[in-house]
Amino acid sequence: MSGKPRKDASIHPPTDKGSERRQRILDAARRRFAASGFEATTVRQIADDVELLAGSLYYHFANKEEMLHETVRDAVQRLSDGAQEIHRRDADPETKLVALIFFDVEELTEHQEVHAILHQERAYFRANPDLAYVLQGRREHYLVWRALIEQGMAEGYFSQDINVFLTLSTMIRMLNTGADWYLHDDPATIDAAGILSREELGAFYVNYVLRVVRTPERITAPIPWPPGYPGSRGG
């Protein structure tokens, strides 16, 4: 999986100062795309955010679409690679599902704005062939979730009554939404990030998901916490 390369990347070789400015532009673009949407965001708004003239941005990027590529490409790759690495592990499907939930929680909260863009701009990605790698990466991630649920059903870990599509759609959206409220909920109501660690958030979702997918006789079975996670020390 690879993103669209920049055609004029050699025209302006990056300097330390140029690389720093380029990153500031990307940071501003990411925040704008996440908050307002890609199509509603203008180059002038991004330029204003970094106190540059709009024309100056074209020294660093060919157009707004290139900023979008640069914003989402690494996250898509991480999501796909991380899920597939978990899938290849020598472990039972429930243990791997627990690891996948922790991985998703960490990735979605650490890079929440990028994943908000990936979620919000689904129609734009589908309509643009240059962004096909985004859909491919997200599908690779989804297929690992599906494979683990189906393997768990086949091996008796998970209930045979699961509607796989509805269950996965609900769980994946729940994790995306959870990352948003964890970081952005009104602190006057609850400061989620102030009272919950990422590990505690992941543990909550692990408990929740396993209660949904496990067979009735396994509801209270010990949770196979991955080594190194808080729950593996007796939680």
Foldseek 3Di string as FASTA:
>chain_A
DAADDDPCCPVDPDDPVNVVLLVLLLVLLLVCCLPPNLVVDDLCSSCVVSVHHSVVVCVVPVGSVVSLCVLQVVLLVCLLVVLVVLLPDPDALLLSVLVNLLVLLVSCQVSVSNVSSLVVCVVVLVVDPSNVSSVVSVVSNLVSQLVSLVRCCVVQFWPPPDPSVVLSVVLVVVSSVVSCCQPPPDVVVPNNVVVDPSLRVSVVSSLVSSCVTGDPVCNPPQRNHDPPRPVVVPD
